[in-house]
Amino acid sequence: MRGRDEQFFERLAQQQSPQYLWIGCSDSRVPANQIVDLPPGEVFVHRNVGNLVVHTDLNCLSVIQFAIDVLRIRHIIVCGHYGCSGVRAALERERHGLVDSWLRYIQHVREKYNIELGLLSDAQARAARLCELNVIEQVKNVARTETALNAWAESHALAVHGWIYDVGNGLLKDLNVTISRPD
């Protein structure tokens, strides 16, 4: 980095004012900054298996609260990805140990959309659609947090977006689900 920009680290050390919070999967093939082509310091990131936003996950809720209340971010992006092992495990009811308890939240999404998923005869299409539906449900979960509701009550300009990344071709897709008000 210093070879390209001698002052890079000095500037980076002096700033953290991102406008974006990225909630994504822990999958190593889904690096937030590279996908959105933004340098370090521009995206505040939280990652977990399956890009879940769970109302009892104090880690995720603390990240959301810090991002909104302290960093004053304006956009939260929930980004899933096709080919997610966690989603596949939840869809196929695979058992992997401790992570099974975490994946139960994706199983709830699978059960909620069981009829829609059952109409898809291809297993790969079902898995891809569950990846999308999981993102949509997590966007809703972000919008239901006390921190987001309080931000909107205080007229903080905040939008929660749902995107999905295709590891196979590098394309990012907007799922056309954006929540910018509590109603």
C-alpha atoms as a PDB file:
ATOM      1  CA  MET A   1       0.000   0.000   0.000  1.00  0.00           C
ATOM      2  CA  ARG A   2       2.813   2.406   0.823  1.00  0.00           C
ATOM      3  CA  GLY A   3       4.274   1.726  -2.625  1.00  0.00           C
ATOM      4  CA  ARG A   4       1.103   3.078  -4.226  1.00  0.00           C
ATOM      5  CA  ASP A   5       0.311   5.757  -1.651  1.00  0.00           C
ATOM      6  CA  GLU A   6       2.974   6.736   0.859  1.00  0.00           C
ATOM      7  CA  GLN A   7       0.473   8.511   3.144  1.00  0.00           C
ATOM      8  CA  PHE A   8      -2.204   5.770   3.040  1.00  0.00           C
ATOM      9  CA  PHE A   9      -1.822   4.518   6.617  1.00  0.00           C
ATOM     10  CA  GLU A  10      -1.424   7.982   8.117  1.00  0.00           C
ATOM     11  CA  ARG A  11      -4.754   9.039   6.565  1.00  0.00           C
ATOM     12  CA  LEU A  12      -6.418   5.755   7.494  1.00  0.00           C
ATOM     13  CA  ALA A  13      -5.374   6.126  11.149  1.00  0.00           C
ATOM     14  CA  GLN A  14      -7.025   9.553  11.330  1.00  0.00           C
ATOM     15  CA  GLN A  15     -10.472   8.623  10.056  1.00  0.00           C
ATOM     16  CA  GLN A  16     -13.374   6.276  10.460  1.00  0.00           C
ATOM     17  CA  SER A  17     -16.501   7.840   9.103  1.00  0.00           C
ATOM     18  CA  PRO A  18     -18.197   5.171   7.019  1.00  0.00           C
ATOM     19  CA  GLN A  19     -21.682   5.695   5.667  1.00  0.00           C
ATOM     20  CA  TYR A  20     -22.274   1.961   5.292  1.00  0.00           C
ATOM     21  CA  LEU A  21     -22.695  -0.983   7.640  1.00  0.00           C
ATOM     22  CA  TRP A  22     -22.285  -4.305   5.862  1.00  0.00           C
ATOM     23  CA  ILE A  23     -23.863  -7.353   7.506  1.00  0.00           C
ATOM     24  CA  GLY A  24     -22.609 -10.341   5.578  1.00  0.00           C
ATOM     25  CA  CYS A  25     -21.671 -13.966   5.739  1.00  0.00           C
ATOM     26  CA  SER A  26     -18.394 -15.136   7.256  1.00  0.00           C
ATOM     27  CA  ASP A  27     -17.568 -16.924   3.996  1.00  0.00           C
ATOM     28  CA  SER A  28     -14.017 -15.954   3.033  1.00  0.00           C
ATOM     29  CA  ARG A  29     -15.055 -15.550  -0.618  1.00  0.00           C
ATOM     30  CA  VAL A  30     -17.319 -12.601   0.241  1.00  0.00           C
ATOM     31  CA  PRO A  31     -15.084  -9.651   1.265  1.00  0.00           C
ATOM     32  CA  ALA A  32     -17.204  -6.545   1.743  1.00  0.00           C
ATOM     33  CA  ASN A  33     -14.754  -3.799   0.752  1.00  0.00           C
ATOM     34  CA  GLN A  34     -13.617  -5.561  -2.405  1.00  0.00           C
ATOM     35  CA  ILE A  35     -17.169  -6.340  -3.531  1.00  0.00           C
ATOM     36  CA  VAL A  36     -18.303  -2.712  -3.264  1.00  0.00           C
ATOM     37  CA  ASP A  37     -14.884  -1.399  -4.368  1.00  0.00           C
ATOM     38  CA  LEU A  38     -14.397   0.894  -1.390  1.00  0.00           C
ATOM     39  CA  PRO A  39     -11.128   1.397   0.502  1.00  0.00           C
ATOM     40  CA  PRO A  40     -10.600   0.559   4.184  1.00  0.00           C
ATOM     41  CA  GLY A  41     -12.439   2.970   6.467  1.00  0.00           C
ATOM     42  CA  GLU A  42     -15.480   3.311   4.185  1.00  0.00           C
ATOM     43  CA  VAL A  43     -17.463   0.225   5.276  1.00  0.00           C
ATOM     44  CA  PHE A  44     -18.156  -0.883   8.856  1.00  0.00           C
ATOM     45  CA  VAL A  45     -18.497  -4.675   8.742  1.00  0.00           C
ATOM     46  CA  HIS A  46     -20.210  -7.400  10.748  1.00  0.00           C
ATOM     47  CA  ARG A  47     -20.035 -10.985   9.544  1.00  0.00           C
ATOM     48  CA  ASN A  48     -21.454 -14.262  10.781  1.00  0.00           C
ATOM     49  CA  VAL A  49     -22.458 -17.624   9.336  1.00  0.00           C
ATOM     50  CA  GLY A  50     -25.486 -17.020   7.132  1.00  0.00           C
ATOM     51  CA  ASN A  51     -25.541 -13.188   7.489  1.00  0.00           C
ATOM     52  CA  LEU A  52     -28.107 -13.456  10.272  1.00  0.00           C
ATOM     53  CA  VAL A  53     -29.577 -10.676  12.395  1.00  0.00           C
ATOM     54  CA  VAL A  54     -30.943 -12.367  15.510  1.00  0.00           C
ATOM     55  CA  HIS A  55     -32.697 -10.411  18.252  1.00  0.00           C
ATOM     56  CA  THR A  56     -30.672 -12.186  20.955  1.00  0.00           C
ATOM     57  CA  ASP A  57     -27.256 -11.763  19.292  1.00  0.00           C
ATOM     58  CA  LEU A  58     -25.694  -9.009  21.378  1.00  0.00           C
ATOM     59  CA  ASN A  59     -22.655  -8.901  19.119  1.00  0.00           C
ATOM     60  CA  CYS A  60     -24.678  -8.050  16.009  1.00  0.00           C
ATOM     61  CA  LEU A  61     -27.003  -5.718  17.890  1.00  0.00           C
ATOM     62  CA  SER A  62     -24.015  -3.890  19.382  1.00  0.00           C
ATOM     63  CA  VAL A  63     -22.489  -3.450  15.931  1.00  0.00           C
ATOM     64  CA  ILE A  64     -25.778  -2.036  14.618  1.00  0.00           C
ATOM     65  CA  GLN A  65     -26.087   0.294  17.603  1.00  0.00           C
ATOM     66  CA  PHE A  66     -22.487   1.528  17.320  1.00  0.00           C
ATOM     67  CA  ALA A  67     -22.831   2.025  13.565  1.00  0.00           C
ATOM     68  CA  ILE A  68     -26.031   4.067  13.863  1.00  0.00           C
ATOM     69  CA  ASP A  69     -25.538   5.941  17.135  1.00  0.00           C
ATOM     70  CA  VAL A  70     -21.786   6.551  17.094  1.00  0.00           C
ATOM     71  CA  LEU A  71     -20.689   6.403  13.462  1.00  0.00           C
ATOM     72  CA  ARG A  72     -23.998   7.856  12.211  1.00  0.00           C
ATOM     73  CA  ILE A  73     -24.065   5.542   9.201  1.00  0.00           C
ATOM     74  CA  ARG A  74     -26.902   6.071   6.739  1.00  0.00           C
ATOM     75  CA  HIS A  75     -27.071   2.702   4.998  1.00  0.00           C
ATOM     76  CA  ILE A  76     -27.144  -0.847   6.322  1.00  0.00           C
ATOM     77  CA  ILE A  77     -26.555  -3.495   3.698  1.00  0.00           C
ATOM     78  CA  VAL A  78     -27.496  -7.072   4.460  1.00  0.00           C
ATOM     79  CA  CYS A  79     -25.637  -9.097   1.857  1.00  0.00           C
ATOM     80  CA  GLY A  80     -25.985 -12.814   1.419  1.00  0.00           C
ATOM     81  CA  HIS A  81     -24.408 -14.918  -1.281  1.00  0.00           C
ATOM     82  CA  TYR A  82     -25.368 -17.756  -3.552  1.00  0.00           C
ATOM     83  CA  GLY A  83     -23.772 -21.052  -2.632  1.00  0.00           C
ATOM     84  CA  CYS A  84     -23.880 -20.318   1.102  1.00  0.00           C
ATOM     85  CA  SER A  85     -23.004 -23.494   3.009  1.00  0.00           C
ATOM     86  CA  GLY A  86     -25.047 -22.381   6.007  1.00  0.00           C
ATOM     87  CA  VAL A  87     -28.159 -21.884   3.902  1.00  0.00           C
ATOM     88  CA  ARG A  88     -27.617 -25.214   2.160  1.00  0.00           C
ATOM     89  CA  ALA A  89     -27.200 -26.978   5.511  1.00  0.00           C
ATOM     90  CA  ALA A  90     -30.436 -25.409   6.798  1.00  0.00           C
ATOM     91  CA  LEU A  91     -32.288 -26.290   3.591  1.00  0.00           C
ATOM     92  CA  GLU A  92     -31.120 -29.895   3.546  1.00  0.00           C
ATOM     93  CA  ARG A  93     -31.332 -30.312   7.332  1.00  0.00           C
ATOM     94  CA  GLU A  94     -27.661 -31.244   7.528  1.00  0.00           C
ATOM     95  CA  ARG A  95     -26.158 -31.635  10.969  1.00  0.00           C
ATOM     96  CA  HIS A  96     -22.775 -30.114  11.768  1.00  0.00           C
ATOM     97  CA  GLY A  97     -22.744 -29.735  15.552  1.00  0.00           C
ATOM     98  CA  LEU A  98     -22.837 -26.445  17.441  1.00  0.00           C
ATOM     99  CA  VAL A  99     -23.577 -24.395  14.320  1.00  0.00           C
ATOM    100  CA  ASP A 100     -26.902 -26.258  13.954  1.00  0.00           C
ATOM    101  CA  SER A 101     -28.384 -24.090  16.717  1.00  0.00           C
ATOM    102  CA  TRP A 102     -27.365 -20.963  14.799  1.00  0.00           C
ATOM    103  CA  LEU A 103     -28.679 -22.286  11.486  1.00  0.00           C
ATOM    104  CA  ARG A 104     -32.062 -22.883  13.088  1.00  0.00           C
ATOM    105  CA  TYR A 105     -32.836 -19.226  12.233  1.00  0.00           C
ATOM    106  CA  ILE A 106     -32.392 -20.003   8.544  1.00  0.00           C
ATOM    107  CA  GLN A 107     -34.535 -23.117   9.016  1.00  0.00           C
ATOM    108  CA  HIS A 108     -37.302 -20.810  10.263  1.00  0.00           C
ATOM    109  CA  VAL A 109     -37.015 -18.859   6.999  1.00  0.00           C
ATOM    110  CA  ARG A 110     -37.160 -22.159   5.079  1.00  0.00           C
ATOM    111  CA  GLU A 111     -40.317 -23.148   6.959  1.00  0.00           C
ATOM    112  CA  LYS A 112     -41.943 -19.743   6.406  1.00  0.00           C
ATOM    113  CA  TYR A 113     -41.447 -20.056   2.638  1.00  0.00           C
ATOM    114  CA  ASN A 114     -41.831 -23.829   2.424  1.00  0.00           C
ATOM    115  CA  ILE A 115     -44.603 -23.682  -0.205  1.00  0.00           C
ATOM    116  CA  GLU A 116     -42.686 -21.290  -2.470  1.00  0.00           C
ATOM    117  CA  LEU A 117     -39.503 -23.332  -2.152  1.00  0.00           C
ATOM    118  CA  GLY A 118     -41.418 -26.554  -2.782  1.00  0.00           C
ATOM    119  CA  LEU A 119     -42.563 -25.238  -6.162  1.00  0.00           C
ATOM    120  CA  LEU A 120     -38.945 -25.204  -7.342  1.00  0.00           C
ATOM    121  CA  SER A 121     -38.026 -28.656  -8.630  1.00  0.00           C
ATOM    122  CA  ASP A 122     -34.297 -27.987  -8.912  1.00  0.00           C
ATOM    123  CA  ALA A 123     -32.289 -28.258  -5.668  1.00  0.00           C
ATOM    124  CA  GLN A 124     -29.853 -25.550  -6.764  1.00  0.00           C
ATOM    125  CA  ALA A 125     -32.722 -23.157  -7.546  1.00  0.00           C
ATOM    126  CA  ARG A 126     -34.248 -23.869  -4.111  1.00  0.00           C
ATOM    127  CA  ALA A 127     -30.949 -23.139  -2.386  1.00  0.00           C
ATOM    128  CA  ALA A 128     -30.470 -19.922  -4.374  1.00  0.00           C
ATOM    129  CA  ARG A 129     -33.981 -18.758  -3.562  1.00  0.00           C
ATOM    130  CA  LEU A 130     -33.523 -19.537   0.130  1.00  0.00           C
ATOM    131  CA  CYS A 131     -30.336 -17.425   0.068  1.00  0.00           C
ATOM    132  CA  GLU A 132     -32.437 -14.521  -1.277  1.00  0.00           C
ATOM    133  CA  LEU A 133     -35.327 -15.069   1.142  1.00  0.00           C
ATOM    134  CA  ASN A 134     -32.902 -15.214   4.063  1.00  0.00           C
ATOM    135  CA  VAL A 135     -31.494 -11.802   3.095  1.00  0.00           C
ATOM    136  CA  ILE A 136     -35.018 -10.352   2.867  1.00  0.00           C
ATOM    137  CA  GLU A 137     -35.907 -11.669   6.319  1.00  0.00           C
ATOM    138  CA  GLN A 138     -32.678 -10.329   7.820  1.00  0.00           C
ATOM    139  CA  VAL A 139     -33.401  -6.873   6.357  1.00  0.00           C
ATOM    140  CA  LYS A 140     -36.731  -7.023   8.192  1.00  0.00           C
ATOM    141  CA  ASN A 141     -34.950  -8.097  11.370  1.00  0.00           C
ATOM    142  CA  VAL A 142     -32.604  -5.087  11.182  1.00  0.00           C
ATOM    143  CA  ALA A 143     -35.598  -2.786  10.694  1.00  0.00           C
ATOM    144  CA  ARG A 144     -37.220  -4.240  13.835  1.00  0.00           C
ATOM    145  CA  THR A 145     -34.253  -3.526  16.105  1.00  0.00           C
ATOM    146  CA  GLU A 146     -34.710  -0.897  18.801  1.00  0.00           C
ATOM    147  CA  THR A 147     -31.735   0.988  17.429  1.00  0.00           C
ATOM    148  CA  ALA A 148     -33.205   1.313  13.923  1.00  0.00           C
ATOM    149  CA  LEU A 149     -36.644   2.206  15.276  1.00  0.00           C
ATOM    150  CA  ASN A 150     -35.123   4.851  17.563  1.00  0.00           C
ATOM    151  CA  ALA A 151     -33.072   6.275  14.696  1.00  0.00           C
ATOM    152  CA  TRP A 152     -36.179   6.704  12.559  1.00  0.00           C
ATOM    153  CA  ALA A 153     -38.078   8.209  15.502  1.00  0.00           C
ATOM    154  CA  GLU A 154     -35.268  10.775  15.768  1.00  0.00           C
ATOM    155  CA  SER A 155     -35.447  11.494  11.991  1.00  0.00           C
ATOM    156  CA  HIS A 156     -32.066   9.888  11.314  1.00  0.00           C
ATOM    157  CA  ALA A 157     -31.827   9.178   7.583  1.00  0.00           C
ATOM    158  CA  LEU A 158     -31.336   5.404   7.598  1.00  0.00           C
ATOM    159  CA  ALA A 159     -32.008   2.836   4.887  1.00  0.00           C
ATOM    160  CA  VAL A 160     -31.649  -0.950   5.177  1.00  0.00           C
ATOM    161  CA  HIS A 161     -30.923  -2.720   1.882  1.00  0.00           C
ATOM    162  CA  GLY A 162     -30.914  -6.373   0.823  1.00  0.00           C
ATOM    163  CA  TRP A 163     -28.309  -7.548  -1.660  1.00  0.00           C
ATOM    164  CA  ILE A 164     -26.933 -10.878  -2.778  1.00  0.00           C
ATOM    165  CA  TYR A 165     -23.538 -11.684  -4.216  1.00  0.00           C
ATOM    166  CA  ASP A 166     -22.827 -14.359  -6.794  1.00  0.00           C
ATOM    167  CA  VAL A 167     -19.475 -15.926  -5.967  1.00  0.00           C
ATOM    168  CA  GLY A 168     -19.527 -17.665  -9.365  1.00  0.00           C
ATOM    169  CA  ASN A 169     -19.486 -14.506 -11.473  1.00  0.00           C
ATOM    170  CA  GLY A 170     -18.655 -11.660  -9.077  1.00  0.00           C
ATOM    171  CA  LEU A 171     -21.953  -9.847  -9.632  1.00  0.00           C
ATOM    172  CA  LEU A 172     -23.866  -8.096  -6.886  1.00  0.00           C
ATOM    173  CA  LYS A 173     -27.659  -8.100  -7.141  1.00  0.00           C
ATOM    174  CA  ASP A 174     -30.047  -5.702  -5.440  1.00  0.00           C
ATOM    175  CA  LEU A 175     -33.022  -7.729  -4.191  1.00  0.00           C
ATOM    176  CA  ASN A 176     -35.206  -4.597  -4.348  1.00  0.00           C
ATOM    177  CA  VAL A 177     -35.922  -4.682  -0.649  1.00  0.00           C
ATOM    178  CA  THR A 178     -35.086  -1.424   1.069  1.00  0.00           C
ATOM    179  CA  ILE A 179     -36.630  -0.233   4.314  1.00  0.00           C
ATOM    180  CA  SER A 180     -36.172   3.424   5.171  1.00  0.00           C
ATOM    181  CA  ARG A 181     -39.086   3.987   7.585  1.00  0.00           C
ATOM    182  CA  PRO A 182     -40.628   1.918  10.345  1.00  0.00           C
ATOM    183  CA  ASP A 183     -43.951   1.600   8.524  1.00  0.00           C
END
